[in-house]
Amino acid sequence: MLTVEMKLGPEAMRLLGQSVPEIGYFCKIPSCAYGIMVVAVEGQADDWAAYVTEAARGAEYCERQGDKLGADTAAVLFPWMAERFEYRL
């Protein structure tokens, strides 16, 4: 099973948030001021999902208890996962 971690700092969040509204939303949350952690996880049925939380929480927390990203946002961040697997809704 594949798990991919990505950490976005404040500047990357701001730039990406200009074109990806869901990331722009996280830019406005005070606890995300230092960045966000995004984790993409391959499922067991040729599917995948991506989760997000504030960067300080770490990848393991993000995978277990992070907020699930929408399919469009996840595909922007992890295009290779979107090409290989169906997004788990």
N, C-alpha and C. Protein backbone atom coordinates (compact mmCIF):
# COMPACT_ATOMS: atom_id res chain seq x y z
N MET A 1 0.85 -1.17 0.00
CA MET A 1 0.00 0.00 0.00
C MET A 1 0.90 1.24 0.00
N LEU A 2 0.57 2.20 -0.82
CA LEU A 2 1.35 3.42 -1.01
C LEU A 2 0.81 4.56 -0.17
N THR A 3 1.70 5.26 0.53
CA THR A 3 1.34 6.48 1.27
C THR A 3 2.34 7.56 0.88
N VAL A 4 1.83 8.73 0.50
CA VAL A 4 2.68 9.84 0.08
C VAL A 4 2.40 11.03 0.98
N GLU A 5 3.46 11.60 1.56
CA GLU A 5 3.32 12.75 2.44
C GLU A 5 3.80 14.00 1.73
N MET A 6 3.12 15.12 1.97
CA MET A 6 3.52 16.40 1.40
C MET A 6 3.29 17.48 2.45
N LYS A 7 4.31 18.28 2.67
CA LYS A 7 4.18 19.39 3.60
C LYS A 7 4.22 20.68 2.79
N LEU A 8 3.23 21.54 2.99
CA LEU A 8 3.19 22.83 2.29
C LEU A 8 3.37 23.93 3.31
N GLY A 9 4.36 24.78 3.09
CA GLY A 9 4.59 25.93 3.96
C GLY A 9 3.62 27.05 3.63
N PRO A 10 3.65 28.11 4.42
CA PRO A 10 2.70 29.21 4.24
C PRO A 10 2.72 29.83 2.84
N GLU A 11 3.89 30.02 2.26
CA GLU A 11 3.98 30.64 0.94
C GLU A 11 3.40 29.73 -0.14
N ALA A 12 3.73 28.43 -0.07
CA ALA A 12 3.17 27.48 -1.04
C ALA A 12 1.66 27.40 -0.90
N MET A 13 1.17 27.43 0.33
CA MET A 13 -0.28 27.41 0.56
C MET A 13 -0.94 28.64 -0.06
N ARG A 14 -0.33 29.79 0.15
CA ARG A 14 -0.89 31.03 -0.38
C ARG A 14 -0.96 30.99 -1.90
N LEU A 15 0.12 30.58 -2.55
CA LEU A 15 0.15 30.52 -4.01
C LEU A 15 -0.83 29.49 -4.56
N LEU A 16 -0.83 28.31 -3.98
CA LEU A 16 -1.74 27.26 -4.43
C LEU A 16 -3.19 27.62 -4.12
N GLY A 17 -3.40 28.29 -3.00
CA GLY A 17 -4.74 28.68 -2.60
C GLY A 17 -5.41 29.66 -3.55
N GLN A 18 -4.62 30.36 -4.36
CA GLN A 18 -5.18 31.29 -5.34
C GLN A 18 -5.96 30.56 -6.43
N SER A 19 -5.56 29.33 -6.73
CA SER A 19 -6.24 28.59 -7.80
C SER A 19 -7.00 27.36 -7.29
N VAL A 20 -6.75 26.97 -6.05
CA VAL A 20 -7.42 25.80 -5.48
C VAL A 20 -8.16 26.26 -4.21
N PRO A 21 -9.46 26.54 -4.33
CA PRO A 21 -10.21 27.12 -3.21
C PRO A 21 -10.12 26.33 -1.90
N GLU A 22 -10.07 25.03 -1.97
CA GLU A 22 -10.02 24.24 -0.73
C GLU A 22 -8.73 24.50 0.04
N ILE A 23 -7.62 24.68 -0.66
CA ILE A 23 -6.35 25.03 0.01
C ILE A 23 -6.43 26.47 0.52
N GLY A 24 -7.06 27.35 -0.25
CA GLY A 24 -7.26 28.73 0.20
C GLY A 24 -8.00 28.79 1.52
N TYR A 25 -8.94 27.89 1.72
CA TYR A 25 -9.69 27.82 2.99
C TYR A 25 -8.74 27.55 4.16
N PHE A 26 -7.80 26.62 3.98
CA PHE A 26 -6.86 26.29 5.05
C PHE A 26 -5.92 27.45 5.36
N CYS A 27 -5.68 28.31 4.38
CA CYS A 27 -4.83 29.50 4.61
C CYS A 27 -5.44 30.42 5.66
N LYS A 28 -6.74 30.37 5.82
CA LYS A 28 -7.45 31.26 6.74
C LYS A 28 -7.55 30.71 8.16
N ILE A 29 -7.17 29.48 8.38
CA ILE A 29 -7.28 28.85 9.70
C ILE A 29 -6.01 29.16 10.50
N PRO A 30 -6.15 29.81 11.65
CA PRO A 30 -4.96 30.19 12.43
C PRO A 30 -4.02 29.03 12.76
N SER A 31 -4.54 27.85 13.05
CA SER A 31 -3.68 26.73 13.41
C SER A 31 -2.86 26.22 12.21
N CYS A 32 -3.20 26.66 11.01
CA CYS A 32 -2.46 26.26 9.80
C CYS A 32 -1.50 27.36 9.34
N ALA A 33 -1.27 28.35 10.16
CA ALA A 33 -0.42 29.48 9.77
C ALA A 33 1.00 29.06 9.41
N TYR A 34 1.47 27.94 9.96
CA TYR A 34 2.84 27.48 9.69
C TYR A 34 2.89 26.41 8.61
N GLY A 35 1.76 26.12 8.00
CA GLY A 35 1.72 25.15 6.92
C GLY A 35 0.74 24.02 7.18
N ILE A 36 0.62 23.16 6.18
CA ILE A 36 -0.29 22.01 6.29
C ILE A 36 0.46 20.74 5.88
N MET A 37 -0.03 19.63 6.37
CA MET A 37 0.45 18.31 5.99
C MET A 37 -0.66 17.67 5.17
N VAL A 38 -0.31 17.13 4.01
CA VAL A 38 -1.27 16.43 3.17
C VAL A 38 -0.73 15.02 2.94
N VAL A 39 -1.60 14.04 3.09
CA VAL A 39 -1.21 12.65 2.93
C VAL A 39 -2.16 11.98 1.94
N ALA A 40 -1.60 11.32 0.94
CA ALA A 40 -2.38 10.52 -0.01
C ALA A 40 -2.16 9.06 0.34
N VAL A 41 -3.25 8.31 0.40
CA VAL A 41 -3.18 6.92 0.83
C VAL A 41 -3.87 6.03 -0.20
N GLU A 42 -3.15 5.02 -0.65
CA GLU A 42 -3.74 4.03 -1.56
C GLU A 42 -4.63 3.09 -0.75
N GLY A 43 -5.81 2.82 -1.26
CA GLY A 43 -6.71 1.89 -0.60
C GLY A 43 -6.47 0.46 -1.05
N GLN A 44 -7.36 -0.43 -0.67
CA GLN A 44 -7.19 -1.84 -1.00
C GLN A 44 -8.00 -2.26 -2.23
N ALA A 45 -8.77 -1.35 -2.78
CA ALA A 45 -9.63 -1.69 -3.92
C ALA A 45 -9.32 -0.81 -5.12
N ASP A 46 -8.02 -0.62 -5.42
CA ASP A 46 -7.60 0.27 -6.50
C ASP A 46 -8.21 1.66 -6.36
N ASP A 47 -8.26 2.15 -5.13
CA ASP A 47 -8.75 3.49 -4.88
C ASP A 47 -7.75 4.24 -4.01
N TRP A 48 -8.02 5.50 -3.76
CA TRP A 48 -7.14 6.31 -2.93
C TRP A 48 -7.91 7.48 -2.35
N ALA A 49 -7.32 8.14 -1.35
CA ALA A 49 -7.90 9.32 -0.75
C ALA A 49 -6.76 10.19 -0.23
N ALA A 50 -7.05 11.46 -0.02
CA ALA A 50 -6.05 12.40 0.52
C ALA A 50 -6.66 13.13 1.71
N TYR A 51 -5.81 13.35 2.71
CA TYR A 51 -6.24 13.97 3.95
C TYR A 51 -5.31 15.13 4.28
N VAL A 52 -5.82 16.10 5.03
CA VAL A 52 -5.04 17.29 5.36
C VAL A 52 -5.23 17.67 6.83
N THR A 53 -4.18 18.22 7.42
CA THR A 53 -4.23 18.76 8.77
C THR A 53 -3.12 19.79 8.90
N GLU A 54 -3.08 20.51 10.02
CA GLU A 54 -1.99 21.47 10.21
C GLU A 54 -0.67 20.71 10.29
N ALA A 55 0.39 21.33 9.79
CA ALA A 55 1.69 20.66 9.64
C ALA A 55 2.24 20.12 10.95
N ALA A 56 1.98 20.79 12.05
CA ALA A 56 2.54 20.38 13.34
C ALA A 56 2.03 19.02 13.81
N ARG A 57 0.89 18.58 13.29
CA ARG A 57 0.30 17.30 13.73
C ARG A 57 1.02 16.09 13.15
N GLY A 58 1.63 16.21 11.99
CA GLY A 58 2.38 15.11 11.41
C GLY A 58 1.55 14.20 10.51
N ALA A 59 2.26 13.38 9.77
CA ALA A 59 1.64 12.54 8.74
C ALA A 59 0.75 11.44 9.31
N GLU A 60 1.18 10.81 10.38
CA GLU A 60 0.38 9.71 10.95
C GLU A 60 -0.98 10.22 11.44
N TYR A 61 -0.96 11.35 12.14
CA TYR A 61 -2.23 11.94 12.59
C TYR A 61 -3.08 12.33 11.39
N CYS A 62 -2.45 12.92 10.39
CA CYS A 62 -3.17 13.36 9.19
C CYS A 62 -3.89 12.19 8.52
N GLU A 63 -3.19 11.09 8.38
CA GLU A 63 -3.78 9.92 7.72
C GLU A 63 -4.96 9.36 8.51
N ARG A 64 -4.86 9.38 9.83
CA ARG A 64 -5.91 8.78 10.67
C ARG A 64 -7.06 9.72 10.99
N GLN A 65 -6.75 11.02 11.20
CA GLN A 65 -7.79 11.93 11.68
C GLN A 65 -7.88 13.24 10.92
N GLY A 66 -7.13 13.37 9.84
CA GLY A 66 -7.17 14.60 9.06
C GLY A 66 -8.48 14.76 8.31
N ASP A 67 -8.70 15.96 7.81
CA ASP A 67 -9.88 16.24 6.99
C ASP A 67 -9.66 15.67 5.59
N LYS A 68 -10.65 15.00 5.06
CA LYS A 68 -10.54 14.44 3.72
C LYS A 68 -10.68 15.54 2.69
N LEU A 69 -9.76 15.58 1.73
CA LEU A 69 -9.81 16.56 0.66
C LEU A 69 -10.80 16.11 -0.42
N GLY A 70 -11.35 17.08 -1.11
CA GLY A 70 -12.21 16.78 -2.25
C GLY A 70 -11.38 16.18 -3.37
N ALA A 71 -12.04 15.45 -4.26
CA ALA A 71 -11.35 14.74 -5.34
C ALA A 71 -10.58 15.69 -6.26
N ASP A 72 -11.15 16.85 -6.57
CA ASP A 72 -10.47 17.79 -7.48
C ASP A 72 -9.19 18.34 -6.86
N THR A 73 -9.26 18.71 -5.59
CA THR A 73 -8.07 19.23 -4.90
C THR A 73 -7.01 18.15 -4.78
N ALA A 74 -7.42 16.95 -4.42
CA ALA A 74 -6.48 15.84 -4.28
C ALA A 74 -5.78 15.56 -5.61
N ALA A 75 -6.52 15.63 -6.71
CA ALA A 75 -5.93 15.37 -8.03
C ALA A 75 -4.91 16.43 -8.42
N VAL A 76 -5.11 17.67 -8.00
CA VAL A 76 -4.14 18.74 -8.27
C VAL A 76 -2.84 18.45 -7.51
N LEU A 77 -2.95 18.02 -6.26
CA LEU A 77 -1.77 17.79 -5.43
C LEU A 77 -1.06 16.48 -5.76
N PHE A 78 -1.81 15.47 -6.14
CA PHE A 78 -1.25 14.14 -6.40
C PHE A 78 -1.75 13.61 -7.75
N PRO A 79 -1.34 14.23 -8.86
CA PRO A 79 -1.87 13.83 -10.16
C PRO A 79 -1.55 12.38 -10.54
N TRP A 80 -0.39 11.88 -10.12
CA TRP A 80 -0.03 10.50 -10.45
C TRP A 80 -0.94 9.50 -9.75
N MET A 81 -1.45 9.85 -8.56
CA MET A 81 -2.40 8.96 -7.88
C MET A 81 -3.74 9.00 -8.61
N ALA A 82 -4.14 10.20 -9.05
CA ALA A 82 -5.42 10.35 -9.75
C ALA A 82 -5.43 9.59 -11.07
N GLU A 83 -4.26 9.49 -11.71
CA GLU A 83 -4.17 8.76 -12.98
C GLU A 83 -4.24 7.25 -12.79
N ARG A 84 -3.76 6.77 -11.65
CA ARG A 84 -3.67 5.32 -11.43
C ARG A 84 -4.88 4.72 -10.71
N PHE A 85 -5.54 5.52 -9.85
CA PHE A 85 -6.58 4.97 -8.98
C PHE A 85 -7.85 5.81 -9.02
N GLU A 86 -8.94 5.21 -8.62
CA GLU A 86 -10.23 5.89 -8.47
C GLU A 86 -10.25 6.57 -7.09
N TYR A 87 -10.74 7.80 -7.02
CA TYR A 87 -10.77 8.49 -5.73
C TYR A 87 -11.91 7.94 -4.86
N ARG A 88 -11.58 7.63 -3.62
CA ARG A 88 -12.53 7.08 -2.67
C ARG A 88 -13.39 8.21 -2.11
N LEU A 89 -14.66 8.17 -2.39
CA LEU A 89 -15.57 9.22 -1.90
C LEU A 89 -16.10 8.93 -0.54
